[in-house]
Amino acid sequence: MKANEPDALSKTTRINLLFDFYEPLLTEKQRTFLKYYFHDDFSLGEISGEFGISRQAVYEHIKRAEAVLEGYESKLNLLSKHEELQRLTALLTESVNGLSIGERERQALFDVIAQFNITE
């Protein structure tokens, strides 16, 4: 499944986000294959040619690495917590925008919100 297929984009986005959180916990091979496939958009054939292994072996490495990422997420929930924080930050920002307060107070509230916003 690649990025030009309908559900592939959301899967690719999810794997890339999980990768951002859990990359240090992966093996070098897992990091490399996931980067090539999901980040650099290499095909299984391109990766197999690069490493001199079969497409099936590449596929299995990628599937195992995906399972490892999902396993970390099921235990640590870093992505879920991040998404909830983003949702709450957006809600809080929207609420602050609706307040009848001065610009200085509004900016002070936005500064506090920014301290909790971990999108960078």
Protein backbone atom coordinates (compact mmCIF):
# COMPACT_ATOMS: atom_id res chain seq x y z
CA MET A 1 0.00 0.00 0.00
CA LYS A 2 1.58 3.29 -1.08
CA ALA A 3 0.64 6.95 -0.74
CA ASN A 4 -1.43 7.03 -3.94
CA GLU A 5 -4.01 4.64 -2.46
CA PRO A 6 -6.85 6.16 -0.38
CA ASP A 7 -6.11 4.66 3.06
CA ALA A 8 -2.37 4.66 2.49
CA LEU A 9 -2.01 8.37 3.20
CA SER A 10 -3.51 8.07 6.67
CA LYS A 11 -1.46 4.93 7.33
CA THR A 12 1.70 6.62 6.09
CA THR A 13 0.96 9.65 8.25
CA ARG A 14 0.35 7.46 11.29
CA ILE A 15 3.55 5.43 10.78
CA ASN A 16 5.56 8.63 10.28
CA LEU A 17 4.12 10.10 13.49
CA LEU A 18 4.78 6.90 15.42
CA PHE A 19 8.29 6.89 13.95
CA ASP A 20 8.83 10.45 15.23
CA PHE A 21 7.99 9.36 18.76
CA TYR A 22 9.60 5.93 18.88
CA GLU A 23 12.51 6.06 16.41
CA PRO A 24 15.19 5.76 19.12
CA LEU A 25 13.63 2.49 20.28
CA LEU A 26 13.94 0.83 16.86
CA THR A 27 16.87 -1.12 15.52
CA GLU A 28 19.01 0.46 12.81
CA LYS A 29 17.51 -1.86 10.18
CA GLN A 30 13.96 -1.02 11.27
CA ARG A 31 14.72 2.70 11.13
CA THR A 32 16.32 2.42 7.71
CA PHE A 33 13.55 0.39 6.08
CA LEU A 34 10.78 2.53 7.54
CA LYS A 35 12.53 5.72 6.42
CA TYR A 36 13.03 4.42 2.89
CA TYR A 37 9.48 3.13 2.55
CA PHE A 38 7.35 5.68 4.41
CA HIS A 39 9.44 8.82 4.41
CA ASP A 40 11.34 8.60 1.13
CA ASP A 41 8.54 6.70 -0.69
CA PHE A 42 10.83 3.96 -2.05
CA SER A 43 9.11 0.89 -3.47
CA LEU A 44 9.73 -2.59 -2.09
CA GLY A 45 11.69 -3.33 -5.27
CA GLU A 46 13.90 -0.27 -4.85
CA ILE A 47 14.67 -1.15 -1.26
CA SER A 48 15.32 -4.80 -2.10
CA GLY A 49 17.75 -3.74 -4.84
CA GLU A 50 19.53 -1.38 -2.45
CA PHE A 51 20.04 -4.09 0.17
CA GLY A 52 20.33 -7.15 -2.06
CA ILE A 53 17.41 -8.99 -0.48
CA SER A 54 14.03 -10.11 -1.81
CA ARG A 55 10.99 -7.86 -1.96
CA GLN A 56 9.27 -10.31 0.38
CA ALA A 57 12.06 -9.91 2.94
CA VAL A 58 11.75 -6.12 2.74
CA TYR A 59 7.97 -6.39 3.16
CA GLU A 60 8.38 -8.61 6.23
CA HIS A 61 10.94 -6.24 7.79
CA ILE A 62 8.60 -3.29 7.26
CA LYS A 63 5.57 -5.15 8.64
CA ARG A 64 7.53 -6.23 11.71
CA ALA A 65 8.77 -2.67 12.28
CA GLU A 66 5.20 -1.34 11.95
CA ALA A 67 4.07 -3.89 14.55
CA VAL A 68 6.87 -2.78 16.87
CA LEU A 69 5.78 0.87 16.54
CA GLU A 70 2.14 -0.05 17.21
CA GLY A 71 3.26 -2.12 20.20
CA TYR A 72 5.12 0.83 21.69
CA GLU A 73 2.10 3.06 21.10
CA SER A 74 -0.26 0.56 22.76
CA LYS A 75 1.95 0.63 25.86
CA LEU A 76 3.10 4.26 26.00
CA ASN A 77 0.33 6.14 24.13
CA LEU A 78 2.64 9.02 23.18
CA LEU A 79 0.90 9.67 19.86
CA SER A 80 -2.56 9.50 21.45
CA LYS A 81 -1.50 11.92 24.17
CA HIS A 82 0.03 14.23 21.57
CA GLU A 83 -3.15 14.23 19.48
CA GLU A 84 -5.29 14.93 22.56
CA LEU A 85 -3.00 17.77 23.57
CA GLN A 86 -3.29 19.22 20.06
CA ARG A 87 -7.08 18.97 20.21
CA LEU A 88 -7.23 20.66 23.61
CA THR A 89 -4.77 23.35 22.51
CA ALA A 90 -6.94 24.16 19.48
CA LEU A 91 -10.05 24.25 21.67
CA LEU A 92 -8.34 26.50 24.20
CA THR A 93 -7.04 28.80 21.47
CA GLU A 94 -10.53 29.07 20.01
CA SER A 95 -11.93 29.86 23.46
CA VAL A 96 -9.32 32.56 24.11
CA ASN A 97 -10.11 34.14 20.77
CA GLY A 98 -13.75 34.42 21.85
CA LEU A 99 -12.99 36.16 25.15
CA SER A 100 -13.71 39.85 25.62
CA ILE A 101 -10.28 40.79 26.92
CA GLY A 102 -7.53 43.17 25.95
CA GLU A 103 -4.83 42.26 23.46
CA ARG A 104 -2.15 42.10 26.17
CA GLU A 105 -4.16 39.59 28.20
CA ARG A 106 -5.00 37.60 25.08
CA GLN A 107 -1.30 37.44 24.12
CA ALA A 108 -0.38 36.34 27.66
CA LEU A 109 -2.88 33.48 27.41
CA PHE A 110 -1.53 32.50 23.98
CA ASP A 111 1.98 32.47 25.44
CA VAL A 112 0.83 30.02 28.13
CA ILE A 113 -0.90 27.87 25.50
CA ALA A 114 2.27 27.85 23.37
CA GLN A 115 4.23 26.35 26.27
CA PHE A 116 2.03 23.25 26.04
CA ASN A 117 1.92 23.05 22.27
CA ILE A 118 4.46 20.39 21.21
CA THR A 119 3.98 20.47 17.44
CA GLU A 120 7.59 21.42 16.73
